[in-house]
Amino acid sequence: MKNIEIQIAETFNSIDDIQKAEAPYFFNTRVQAKLNQRLAVTESSWLPKWKPIWAITTLTILLSINIYSFIQKKKIKTTKSTNTTESANLEGFSNTYNLNSSLAY
């Protein structure tokens, strides 16, 4: 028991001899300057700040291109079906009046 009490007493006495740790001169100012410098570099980057706007703009452009392509494809299909109908009508007309026979001169 005495051994433990001696160790406790030595520990408490060693605490009395502890000196406060001191930072180098202007340490706090230097740390603050470095932190502010890193924040300034992060804030100067314009892309992360506007990232949602870029995403929305890109999606809007892509959606517009898709809608335009879809409309053009429908127009082409309509035109092809109209041309097919017209050519069928012309063929029927030429067959009816026997206009498709070739004459040798």
PDB file of N, CA and C in Angstrom:
ATOM      1  N   MET A   1       0.814  -1.202   0.000  1.00  0.00           N
ATOM      2  CA  MET A   1       0.000   0.000   0.000  1.00  0.00           C
ATOM      3  C   MET A   1       0.854   1.260   0.000  1.00  0.00           C
ATOM      4  N   LYS A   2       1.926   1.197   0.724  1.00  0.00           N
ATOM      5  CA  LYS A   2       2.779   2.375   0.807  1.00  0.00           C
ATOM      6  C   LYS A   2       3.413   2.673  -0.553  1.00  0.00           C
ATOM      7  N   ASN A   3       3.697   1.595  -1.298  1.00  0.00           N
ATOM      8  CA  ASN A   3       4.321   1.768  -2.615  1.00  0.00           C
ATOM      9  C   ASN A   3       3.386   2.543  -3.544  1.00  0.00           C
ATOM     10  N   ILE A   4       2.113   2.218  -3.527  1.00  0.00           N
ATOM     11  CA  ILE A   4       1.128   2.900  -4.362  1.00  0.00           C
ATOM     12  C   ILE A   4       0.987   4.355  -3.919  1.00  0.00           C
ATOM     13  N   GLU A   5       0.978   4.585  -2.613  1.00  0.00           N
ATOM     14  CA  GLU A   5       0.862   5.956  -2.107  1.00  0.00           C
ATOM     15  C   GLU A   5       2.073   6.783  -2.491  1.00  0.00           C
ATOM     16  N   ILE A   6       3.234   6.158  -2.502  1.00  0.00           N
ATOM     17  CA  ILE A   6       4.448   6.877  -2.904  1.00  0.00           C
ATOM     18  C   ILE A   6       4.366   7.244  -4.394  1.00  0.00           C
ATOM     19  N   GLN A   7       3.883   6.318  -5.213  1.00  0.00           N
ATOM     20  CA  GLN A   7       3.758   6.589  -6.649  1.00  0.00           C
ATOM     21  C   GLN A   7       2.738   7.703  -6.911  1.00  0.00           C
ATOM     22  N   ILE A   8       1.649   7.685  -6.158  1.00  0.00           N
ATOM     23  CA  ILE A   8       0.643   8.748  -6.303  1.00  0.00           C
ATOM     24  C   ILE A   8       1.236  10.082  -5.900  1.00  0.00           C
ATOM     25  N   ALA A   9       1.967  10.131  -4.828  1.00  0.00           N
ATOM     26  CA  ALA A   9       2.599  11.373  -4.352  1.00  0.00           C
ATOM     27  C   ALA A   9       3.611  11.871  -5.382  1.00  0.00           C
ATOM     28  N   GLU A  10       4.406  10.955  -5.947  1.00  0.00           N
ATOM     29  CA  GLU A  10       5.374  11.358  -6.978  1.00  0.00           C
ATOM     30  C   GLU A  10       4.665  11.926  -8.213  1.00  0.00           C
ATOM     31  N   THR A  11       3.542  11.316  -8.581  1.00  0.00           N
ATOM     32  CA  THR A  11       2.787  11.796  -9.737  1.00  0.00           C
ATOM     33  C   THR A  11       2.261  13.198  -9.479  1.00  0.00           C
ATOM     34  N   PHE A  12       1.689  13.430  -8.319  1.00  0.00           N
ATOM     35  CA  PHE A  12       1.189  14.768  -7.997  1.00  0.00           C
ATOM     36  C   PHE A  12       2.321  15.776  -7.927  1.00  0.00           C
ATOM     37  N   ASN A  13       3.476  15.386  -7.403  1.00  0.00           N
ATOM     38  CA  ASN A  13       4.620  16.304  -7.342  1.00  0.00           C
ATOM     39  C   ASN A  13       5.142  16.619  -8.751  1.00  0.00           C
ATOM     40  N   SER A  14       5.075  15.655  -9.648  1.00  0.00           N
ATOM     41  CA  SER A  14       5.551  15.907 -11.016  1.00  0.00           C
ATOM     42  C   SER A  14       4.625  16.888 -11.736  1.00  0.00           C
ATOM     43  N   ILE A  15       3.356  16.889 -11.357  1.00  0.00           N
ATOM     44  CA  ILE A  15       2.423  17.837 -11.947  1.00  0.00           C
ATOM     45  C   ILE A  15       2.798  19.259 -11.559  1.00  0.00           C
ATOM     46  N   ASP A  16       3.312  19.452 -10.379  1.00  0.00           N
ATOM     47  CA  ASP A  16       3.703  20.783  -9.936  1.00  0.00           C
ATOM     48  C   ASP A  16       4.856  21.335 -10.765  1.00  0.00           C
ATOM     49  N   ASP A  17       5.712  20.455 -11.278  1.00  0.00           N
ATOM     50  CA  ASP A  17       6.876  20.897 -12.046  1.00  0.00           C
ATOM     51  C   ASP A  17       6.567  21.139 -13.531  1.00  0.00           C
ATOM     52  N   ILE A  18       5.353  20.834 -13.945  1.00  0.00           N
ATOM     53  CA  ILE A  18       4.997  21.002 -15.357  1.00  0.00           C
ATOM     54  C   ILE A  18       4.886  22.479 -15.679  1.00  0.00           C
ATOM     55  N   GLN A  19       5.481  22.848 -16.842  1.00  0.00           N
ATOM     56  CA  GLN A  19       5.379  24.226 -17.306  1.00  0.00           C
ATOM     57  C   GLN A  19       4.406  24.280 -18.481  1.00  0.00           C
ATOM     58  N   LYS A  20       3.786  25.394 -18.617  1.00  0.00           N
ATOM     59  CA  LYS A  20       2.832  25.582 -19.692  1.00  0.00           C
ATOM     60  C   LYS A  20       3.575  25.612 -21.036  1.00  0.00           C
ATOM     61  N   ALA A  21       3.054  24.866 -22.011  1.00  0.00           N
ATOM     62  CA  ALA A  21       3.667  24.848 -23.337  1.00  0.00           C
ATOM     63  C   ALA A  21       3.344  26.152 -24.049  1.00  0.00           C
ATOM     64  N   GLU A  22       4.356  26.706 -24.675  1.00  0.00           N
ATOM     65  CA  GLU A  22       4.159  27.964 -25.382  1.00  0.00           C
ATOM     66  C   GLU A  22       4.343  27.742 -26.870  1.00  0.00           C
ATOM     67  N   ALA A  23       3.497  28.382 -27.625  1.00  0.00           N
ATOM     68  CA  ALA A  23       3.584  28.301 -29.086  1.00  0.00           C
ATOM     69  C   ALA A  23       4.606  29.317 -29.575  1.00  0.00           C
ATOM     70  N   PRO A  24       5.155  29.070 -30.764  1.00  0.00           N
ATOM     71  CA  PRO A  24       6.087  30.063 -31.322  1.00  0.00           C
ATOM     72  C   PRO A  24       5.405  31.411 -31.502  1.00  0.00           C
ATOM     73  N   TYR A  25       6.230  32.430 -31.635  1.00  0.00           N
ATOM     74  CA  TYR A  25       5.753  33.789 -31.767  1.00  0.00           C
ATOM     75  C   TYR A  25       4.884  33.918 -33.014  1.00  0.00           C
ATOM     76  N   PHE A  26       3.731  34.528 -32.948  1.00  0.00           N
ATOM     77  CA  PHE A  26       2.755  34.720 -34.019  1.00  0.00           C
ATOM     78  C   PHE A  26       2.209  33.403 -34.583  1.00  0.00           C
ATOM     79  N   PHE A  27       2.217  32.355 -33.797  1.00  0.00           N
ATOM     80  CA  PHE A  27       1.720  31.050 -34.269  1.00  0.00           C
ATOM     81  C   PHE A  27       0.234  31.128 -34.639  1.00  0.00           C
ATOM     82  N   ASN A  28      -0.552  31.727 -33.765  1.00  0.00           N
ATOM     83  CA  ASN A  28      -1.994  31.822 -34.007  1.00  0.00           C
ATOM     84  C   ASN A  28      -2.279  32.641 -35.273  1.00  0.00           C
ATOM     85  N   THR A  29      -1.545  33.726 -35.455  1.00  0.00           N
ATOM     86  CA  THR A  29      -1.742  34.573 -36.637  1.00  0.00           C
ATOM     87  C   THR A  29      -1.399  33.807 -37.911  1.00  0.00           C
ATOM     88  N   ARG A  30      -0.326  33.037 -37.890  1.00  0.00           N
ATOM     89  CA  ARG A  30       0.089  32.259 -39.062  1.00  0.00           C
ATOM     90  C   ARG A  30      -0.937  31.183 -39.402  1.00  0.00           C
ATOM     91  N   VAL A  31      -1.459  30.513 -38.386  1.00  0.00           N
ATOM     92  CA  VAL A  31      -2.471  29.477 -38.632  1.00  0.00           C
ATOM     93  C   VAL A  31      -3.729  30.108 -39.227  1.00  0.00           C
ATOM     94  N   GLN A  32      -4.150  31.225 -38.690  1.00  0.00           N
ATOM     95  CA  GLN A  32      -5.322  31.921 -39.217  1.00  0.00           C
ATOM     96  C   GLN A  32      -5.101  32.349 -40.670  1.00  0.00           C
ATOM     97  N   ALA A  33      -3.909  32.841 -40.982  1.00  0.00           N
ATOM     98  CA  ALA A  33      -3.607  33.280 -42.346  1.00  0.00           C
ATOM     99  C   ALA A  33      -3.673  32.095 -43.315  1.00  0.00           C
ATOM    100  N   LYS A  34      -3.119  30.956 -42.920  1.00  0.00           N
ATOM    101  CA  LYS A  34      -3.164  29.775 -43.790  1.00  0.00           C
ATOM    102  C   LYS A  34      -4.594  29.282 -43.989  1.00  0.00           C
ATOM    103  N   LEU A  35      -5.388  29.296 -42.933  1.00  0.00           N
ATOM    104  CA  LEU A  35      -6.786  28.882 -43.056  1.00  0.00           C
ATOM    105  C   LEU A  35      -7.548  29.823 -43.987  1.00  0.00           C
ATOM    106  N   ASN A  36      -7.343  31.112 -43.824  1.00  0.00           N
ATOM    107  CA  ASN A  36      -8.014  32.080 -44.698  1.00  0.00           C
ATOM    108  C   ASN A  36      -7.567  31.929 -46.149  1.00  0.00           C
ATOM    109  N   GLN A  37      -6.289  31.616 -46.340  1.00  0.00           N
ATOM    110  CA  GLN A  37      -5.761  31.422 -47.690  1.00  0.00           C
ATOM    111  C   GLN A  37      -6.423  30.206 -48.348  1.00  0.00           C
ATOM    112  N   ARG A  38      -6.580  29.120 -47.615  1.00  0.00           N
ATOM    113  CA  ARG A  38      -7.238  27.927 -48.154  1.00  0.00           C
ATOM    114  C   ARG A  38      -8.711  28.203 -48.449  1.00  0.00           C
ATOM    115  N   LEU A  39      -9.374  28.956 -47.588  1.00  0.00           N
ATOM    116  CA  LEU A  39     -10.772  29.306 -47.838  1.00  0.00           C
ATOM    117  C   LEU A  39     -10.905  30.187 -49.072  1.00  0.00           C
ATOM    118  N   ALA A  40      -9.961  31.095 -49.275  1.00  0.00           N
ATOM    119  CA  ALA A  40     -10.001  31.975 -50.444  1.00  0.00           C
ATOM    120  C   ALA A  40      -9.826  31.173 -51.724  1.00  0.00           C
ATOM    121  N   VAL A  41      -8.975  30.166 -51.721  1.00  0.00           N
ATOM    122  CA  VAL A  41      -8.774  29.329 -52.903  1.00  0.00           C
ATOM    123  C   VAL A  41     -10.035  28.529 -53.181  1.00  0.00           C
ATOM    124  N   THR A  42     -10.674  28.016 -52.156  1.00  0.00           N
ATOM    125  CA  THR A  42     -11.892  27.239 -52.322  1.00  0.00           C
ATOM    126  C   THR A  42     -13.026  28.116 -52.841  1.00  0.00           C
ATOM    127  N   GLU A  43     -13.153  29.319 -52.346  1.00  0.00           N
ATOM    128  CA  GLU A  43     -14.230  30.206 -52.754  1.00  0.00           C
ATOM    129  C   GLU A  43     -14.019  30.779 -54.145  1.00  0.00           C
ATOM    130  N   SER A  44     -12.775  30.871 -54.599  1.00  0.00           N
ATOM    131  CA  SER A  44     -12.525  31.446 -55.913  1.00  0.00           C
ATOM    132  C   SER A  44     -12.899  30.484 -57.036  1.00  0.00           C
ATOM    133  N   SER A  45     -13.060  29.237 -56.729  1.00  0.00           N
ATOM    134  CA  SER A  45     -13.463  28.279 -57.751  1.00  0.00           C
ATOM    135  C   SER A  45     -14.928  28.500 -58.076  1.00  0.00           C
ATOM    136  N   TRP A  46     -15.258  28.827 -59.335  1.00  0.00           N
ATOM    137  CA  TRP A  46     -16.622  29.186 -59.718  1.00  0.00           C
ATOM    138  C   TRP A  46     -17.468  27.982 -60.063  1.00  0.00           C
ATOM    139  N   LEU A  47     -16.860  26.871 -60.454  1.00  0.00           N
ATOM    140  CA  LEU A  47     -17.650  25.724 -60.893  1.00  0.00           C
ATOM    141  C   LEU A  47     -18.458  25.073 -59.762  1.00  0.00           C
ATOM    142  N   PRO A  48     -17.891  24.787 -58.590  1.00  0.00           N
ATOM    143  CA  PRO A  48     -18.720  24.156 -57.555  1.00  0.00           C
ATOM    144  C   PRO A  48     -19.889  25.034 -57.104  1.00  0.00           C
ATOM    145  N   LYS A  49     -19.710  26.343 -57.113  1.00  0.00           N
ATOM    146  CA  LYS A  49     -20.773  27.230 -56.679  1.00  0.00           C
ATOM    147  C   LYS A  49     -21.956  27.194 -57.651  1.00  0.00           C
ATOM    148  N   TRP A  50     -21.670  27.056 -58.953  1.00  0.00           N
ATOM    149  CA  TRP A  50     -22.707  27.092 -59.982  1.00  0.00           C
ATOM    150  C   TRP A  50     -23.047  25.716 -60.514  1.00  0.00           C
ATOM    151  N   LYS A  51     -22.606  24.668 -59.863  1.00  0.00           N
ATOM    152  CA  LYS A  51     -22.799  23.313 -60.373  1.00  0.00           C
ATOM    153  C   LYS A  51     -24.272  22.965 -60.628  1.00  0.00           C
ATOM    154  N   PRO A  52     -25.207  23.264 -59.746  1.00  0.00           N
ATOM    155  CA  PRO A  52     -26.608  22.938 -60.041  1.00  0.00           C
ATOM    156  C   PRO A  52     -27.128  23.658 -61.280  1.00  0.00           C
ATOM    157  N   ILE A  53     -26.704  24.882 -61.501  1.00  0.00           N
ATOM    158  CA  ILE A  53     -27.154  25.625 -62.674  1.00  0.00           C
ATOM    159  C   ILE A  53     -26.621  24.968 -63.942  1.00  0.00           C
ATOM    160  N   TRP A  54     -25.363  24.533 -63.920  1.00  0.00           N
ATOM    161  CA  TRP A  54     -24.791  23.851 -65.087  1.00  0.00           C
ATOM    162  C   TRP A  54     -25.533  22.555 -65.366  1.00  0.00           C
ATOM    163  N   ALA A  55     -25.860  21.818 -64.324  1.00  0.00           N
ATOM    164  CA  ALA A  55     -26.567  20.548 -64.508  1.00  0.00           C
ATOM    165  C   ALA A  55     -27.957  20.782 -65.106  1.00  0.00           C
ATOM    166  N   ILE A  56     -28.661  21.753 -64.588  1.00  0.00           N
ATOM    167  CA  ILE A  56     -30.010  22.052 -65.088  1.00  0.00           C
ATOM    168  C   ILE A  56     -29.937  22.537 -66.531  1.00  0.00           C
ATOM    169  N   THR A  57     -28.969  23.397 -66.846  1.00  0.00           N
ATOM    170  CA  THR A  57     -28.819  23.904 -68.210  1.00  0.00           C
ATOM    171  C   THR A  57     -28.496  22.774 -69.181  1.00  0.00           C
ATOM    172  N   THR A  58     -27.582  21.901 -68.790  1.00  0.00           N
ATOM    173  CA  THR A  58     -27.213  20.774 -69.651  1.00  0.00           C
ATOM    174  C   THR A  58     -28.398  19.855 -69.882  1.00  0.00           C
ATOM    175  N   LEU A  59     -29.127  19.547 -68.834  1.00  0.00           N
ATOM    176  CA  LEU A  59     -30.302  18.685 -68.989  1.00  0.00           C
ATOM    177  C   LEU A  59     -31.368  19.333 -69.872  1.00  0.00           C
ATOM    178  N   THR A  60     -31.548  20.627 -69.732  1.00  0.00           N
ATOM    179  CA  THR A  60     -32.521  21.333 -70.557  1.00  0.00           C
ATOM    180  C   THR A  60     -32.122  21.294 -72.032  1.00  0.00           C
ATOM    181  N   ILE A  61     -30.855  21.509 -72.307  1.00  0.00           N
ATOM    182  CA  ILE A  61     -30.374  21.464 -73.692  1.00  0.00           C
ATOM    183  C   ILE A  61     -30.546  20.064 -74.273  1.00  0.00           C
ATOM    184  N   LEU A  62     -30.164  19.051 -73.513  1.00  0.00           N
ATOM    185  CA  LEU A  62     -30.312  17.675 -74.000  1.00  0.00           C
ATOM    186  C   LEU A  62     -31.776  17.314 -74.232  1.00  0.00           C
ATOM    187  N   LEU A  63     -32.628  17.731 -73.329  1.00  0.00           N
ATOM    188  CA  LEU A  63     -34.052  17.459 -73.489  1.00  0.00           C
ATOM    189  C   LEU A  63     -34.605  18.167 -74.727  1.00  0.00           C
ATOM    190  N   SER A  64     -34.179  19.402 -74.959  1.00  0.00           N
ATOM    191  CA  SER A  64     -34.619  20.140 -76.146  1.00  0.00           C
ATOM    192  C   SER A  64     -34.161  19.449 -77.425  1.00  0.00           C
ATOM    193  N   ILE A  65     -32.923  18.982 -77.436  1.00  0.00           N
ATOM    194  CA  ILE A  65     -32.416  18.266 -78.613  1.00  0.00           C
ATOM    195  C   ILE A  65     -33.210  16.991 -78.853  1.00  0.00           C
ATOM    196  N   ASN A  66     -33.525  16.270 -77.792  1.00  0.00           N
ATOM    197  CA  ASN A  66     -34.310  15.035 -77.938  1.00  0.00           C
ATOM    198  C   ASN A  66     -35.716  15.321 -78.469  1.00  0.00           C
ATOM    199  N   ILE A  67     -36.352  16.344 -77.942  1.00  0.00           N
ATOM    200  CA  ILE A  67     -37.702  16.694 -78.403  1.00  0.00           C
ATOM    201  C   ILE A  67     -37.650  17.111 -79.869  1.00  0.00           C
ATOM    202  N   TYR A  68     -36.671  17.929 -80.241  1.00  0.00           N
ATOM    203  CA  TYR A  68     -36.527  18.363 -81.628  1.00  0.00           C
ATOM    204  C   TYR A  68     -36.299  17.150 -82.541  1.00  0.00           C
ATOM    205  N   SER A  69     -35.442  16.221 -82.132  1.00  0.00           N
ATOM    206  CA  SER A  69     -35.179  15.022 -82.939  1.00  0.00           C
ATOM    207  C   SER A  69     -36.437  14.178 -83.092  1.00  0.00           C
ATOM    208  N   PHE A  70     -37.183  14.048 -82.023  1.00  0.00           N
ATOM    209  CA  PHE A  70     -38.416  13.264 -82.062  1.00  0.00           C
ATOM    210  C   PHE A  70     -39.416  13.884 -83.033  1.00  0.00           C
ATOM    211  N   ILE A  71     -39.564  15.199 -82.988  1.00  0.00           N
ATOM    212  CA  ILE A  71     -40.497  15.891 -83.884  1.00  0.00           C
ATOM    213  C   ILE A  71     -40.051  15.730 -85.335  1.00  0.00           C
ATOM    214  N   GLN A  72     -38.757  15.877 -85.586  1.00  0.00           N
ATOM    215  CA  GLN A  72     -38.252  15.725 -86.950  1.00  0.00           C
ATOM    216  C   GLN A  72     -38.460  14.303 -87.466  1.00  0.00           C
ATOM    217  N   LYS A  73     -38.282  13.325 -86.596  1.00  0.00           N
ATOM    218  CA  LYS A  73     -38.482  11.933 -86.995  1.00  0.00           C
ATOM    219  C   LYS A  73     -39.943  11.684 -87.360  1.00  0.00           C
ATOM    220  N   LYS A  74     -40.855  12.259 -86.579  1.00  0.00           N
ATOM    221  CA  LYS A  74     -42.283  12.119 -86.890  1.00  0.00           C
ATOM    222  C   LYS A  74     -42.614  12.776 -88.229  1.00  0.00           C
ATOM    223  N   LYS A  75     -42.025  13.939 -88.497  1.00  0.00           N
ATOM    224  CA  LYS A  75     -42.265  14.621 -89.766  1.00  0.00           C
ATOM    225  C   LYS A  75     -41.763  13.777 -90.930  1.00  0.00           C
ATOM    226  N   ILE A  76     -40.593  13.172 -90.779  1.00  0.00           N
ATOM    227  CA  ILE A  76     -40.035  12.331 -91.844  1.00  0.00           C
ATOM    228  C   ILE A  76     -40.926  11.126 -92.096  1.00  0.00           C
ATOM    229  N   LYS A  77     -41.403  10.496 -91.015  1.00  0.00           N
ATOM    230  CA  LYS A  77     -42.302   9.346 -91.181  1.00  0.00           C
ATOM    231  C   LYS A  77     -43.587   9.760 -91.894  1.00  0.00           C
ATOM    232  N   THR A  78     -44.125  10.915 -91.522  1.00  0.00           N
ATOM    233  CA  THR A  78     -45.348  11.403 -92.153  1.00  0.00           C
ATOM    234  C   THR A  78     -45.101  11.691 -93.633  1.00  0.00           C
ATOM    235  N   THR A  79     -43.964  12.297 -93.935  1.00  0.00           N
ATOM    236  CA  THR A  79     -43.622  12.608 -95.313  1.00  0.00           C
ATOM    237  C   THR A  79     -43.431  11.327 -96.121  1.00  0.00           C
ATOM    238  N   LYS A  80     -42.765  10.334 -95.543  1.00  0.00           N
ATOM    239  CA  LYS A  80     -42.554   9.064 -96.241  1.00  0.00           C
ATOM    240  C   LYS A  80     -43.878   8.365 -96.508  1.00  0.00           C
ATOM    241  N   SER A  81     -44.746   8.360 -95.514  1.00  0.00           N
ATOM    242  CA  SER A  81     -46.036   7.697 -95.722  1.00  0.00           C
ATOM    243  C   SER A  81     -46.859   8.438 -96.773  1.00  0.00           C
ATOM    244  N   THR A  82     -46.775   9.768 -96.798  1.00  0.00           N
ATOM    245  CA  THR A  82     -47.475  10.552 -97.810  1.00  0.00           C
ATOM    246  C   THR A  82     -46.886  10.264 -99.188  1.00  0.00           C
ATOM    247  N   ASN A  83     -45.565  10.220 -99.292  1.00  0.00           N
ATOM    248  CA  ASN A  83     -44.905   9.925-100.568  1.00  0.00           C
ATOM    249  C   ASN A  83     -45.240   8.515-101.031  1.00  0.00           C
ATOM    250  N   THR A  84     -45.306   7.576-100.113  1.00  0.00           N
ATOM    251  CA  THR A  84     -45.650   6.204-100.463  1.00  0.00           C
ATOM    252  C   THR A  84     -47.078   6.147-100.986  1.00  0.00           C
ATOM    253  N   THR A  85     -47.969   6.845-100.331  1.00  0.00           N
ATOM    254  CA  THR A  85     -49.369   6.885-100.768  1.00  0.00           C
ATOM    255  C   THR A  85     -49.479   7.543-102.135  1.00  0.00           C
ATOM    256  N   GLU A  86     -48.775   8.651-102.336  1.00  0.00           N
ATOM    257  CA  GLU A  86     -48.803   9.336-103.621  1.00  0.00           C
ATOM    258  C   GLU A  86     -48.234   8.457-104.728  1.00  0.00           C
ATOM    259  N   SER A  87     -47.127   7.770-104.449  1.00  0.00           N
ATOM    260  CA  SER A  87     -46.536   6.915-105.475  1.00  0.00           C
ATOM    261  C   SER A  87     -47.451   5.734-105.782  1.00  0.00           C
ATOM    262  N   ALA A  88     -48.146   5.217-104.759  1.00  0.00           N
ATOM    263  CA  ALA A  88     -49.095   4.127-104.998  1.00  0.00           C
ATOM    264  C   ALA A  88     -50.251   4.644-105.852  1.00  0.00           C
ATOM    265  N   ASN A  89     -50.704   5.856-105.579  1.00  0.00           N
ATOM    266  CA  ASN A  89     -51.784   6.442-106.373  1.00  0.00           C
ATOM    267  C   ASN A  89     -51.333   6.668-107.815  1.00  0.00           C
ATOM    268  N   LEU A  90     -50.101   7.148-107.986  1.00  0.00           N
ATOM    269  CA  LEU A  90     -49.589   7.363-109.337  1.00  0.00           C
ATOM    270  C   LEU A  90     -49.430   6.051-110.093  1.00  0.00           C
ATOM    271  N   GLU A  91     -48.950   5.030-109.410  1.00  0.00           N
ATOM    272  CA  GLU A  91     -48.812   3.724-110.050  1.00  0.00           C
ATOM    273  C   GLU A  91     -50.183   3.161-110.428  1.00  0.00           C
ATOM    274  N   GLY A  92     -51.131   3.310-109.559  1.00  0.00           N
ATOM    275  CA  GLY A  92     -52.487   2.855-109.860  1.00  0.00           C
ATOM    276  C   GLY A  92     -53.067   3.605-111.042  1.00  0.00           C
ATOM    277  N   PHE A  93     -52.842   4.902-111.077  1.00  0.00           N
ATOM    278  CA  PHE A  93     -53.326   5.723-112.194  1.00  0.00           C
ATOM    279  C   PHE A  93     -52.664   5.297-113.502  1.00  0.00           C
ATOM    280  N   SER A  94     -51.338   5.110-113.466  1.00  0.00           N
ATOM    281  CA  SER A  94     -50.642   4.717-114.692  1.00  0.00           C
ATOM    282  C   SER A  94     -51.021   3.318-115.134  1.00  0.00           C
ATOM    283  N   ASN A  95     -51.281   2.455-114.183  1.00  0.00           N
ATOM    284  CA  ASN A  95     -51.730   1.102-114.547  1.00  0.00           C
ATOM    285  C   ASN A  95     -53.145   1.138-115.123  1.00  0.00           C
ATOM    286  N   THR A  96     -53.981   1.972-114.567  1.00  0.00           N
ATOM    287  CA  THR A  96     -55.351   2.067-115.032  1.00  0.00           C
ATOM    288  C   THR A  96     -55.409   2.546-116.480  1.00  0.00           C
ATOM    289  N   TYR A  97     -54.646   3.546-116.805  1.00  0.00           N
ATOM    290  CA  TYR A  97     -54.676   4.119-118.154  1.00  0.00           C
ATOM    291  C   TYR A  97     -53.552   3.589-119.038  1.00  0.00           C
ATOM    292  N   ASN A  98     -52.885   2.549-118.563  1.00  0.00           N
ATOM    293  CA  ASN A  98     -51.843   1.874-119.326  1.00  0.00           C
ATOM    294  C   ASN A  98     -50.765   2.857-119.795  1.00  0.00           C
ATOM    295  N   LEU A  99     -50.328   3.688-118.869  1.00  0.00           N
ATOM    296  CA  LEU A  99     -49.317   4.700-119.183  1.00  0.00           C
ATOM    297  C   LEU A  99     -47.896   4.212-118.910  1.00  0.00           C
ATOM    298  N   ASN A 100     -47.749   3.054-118.355  1.00  0.00           N
ATOM    299  CA  ASN A 100     -46.432   2.571-118.016  1.00  0.00           C
ATOM    300  C   ASN A 100     -45.808   1.706-119.101  1.00  0.00           C
ATOM    301  N   SER A 101     -46.462   1.543-120.188  1.00  0.00           N
ATOM    302  CA  SER A 101     -45.873   0.763-121.278  1.00  0.00           C
ATOM    303  C   SER A 101     -44.882   1.629-122.020  1.00  0.00           C
ATOM    304  N   SER A 102     -43.798   1.061-122.352  1.00  0.00           N
ATOM    305  CA  SER A 102     -42.791   1.828-123.077  1.00  0.00           C
ATOM    306  C   SER A 102     -42.932   1.595-124.580  1.00  0.00           C
ATOM    307  N   LEU A 103     -42.835   2.616-125.315  1.00  0.00           N
ATOM    308  CA  LEU A 103     -42.960   2.541-126.753  1.00  0.00           C
ATOM    309  C   LEU A 103     -41.571   2.631-127.395  1.00  0.00           C
ATOM    310  N   ALA A 104     -41.329   1.761-128.328  1.00  0.00           N
ATOM    311  CA  ALA A 104     -40.050   1.803-129.033  1.00  0.00           C
ATOM    312  C   ALA A 104     -40.238   2.583-130.314  1.00  0.00           C
ATOM    313  N   TYR A 105     -39.511   3.594-130.553  1.00  0.00           N
ATOM    314  CA  TYR A 105     -39.621   4.378-131.777  1.00  0.00           C
ATOM    315  C   TYR A 105     -38.689   3.891-132.816  1.00  0.00           C
TER     316      TYR A 105
END
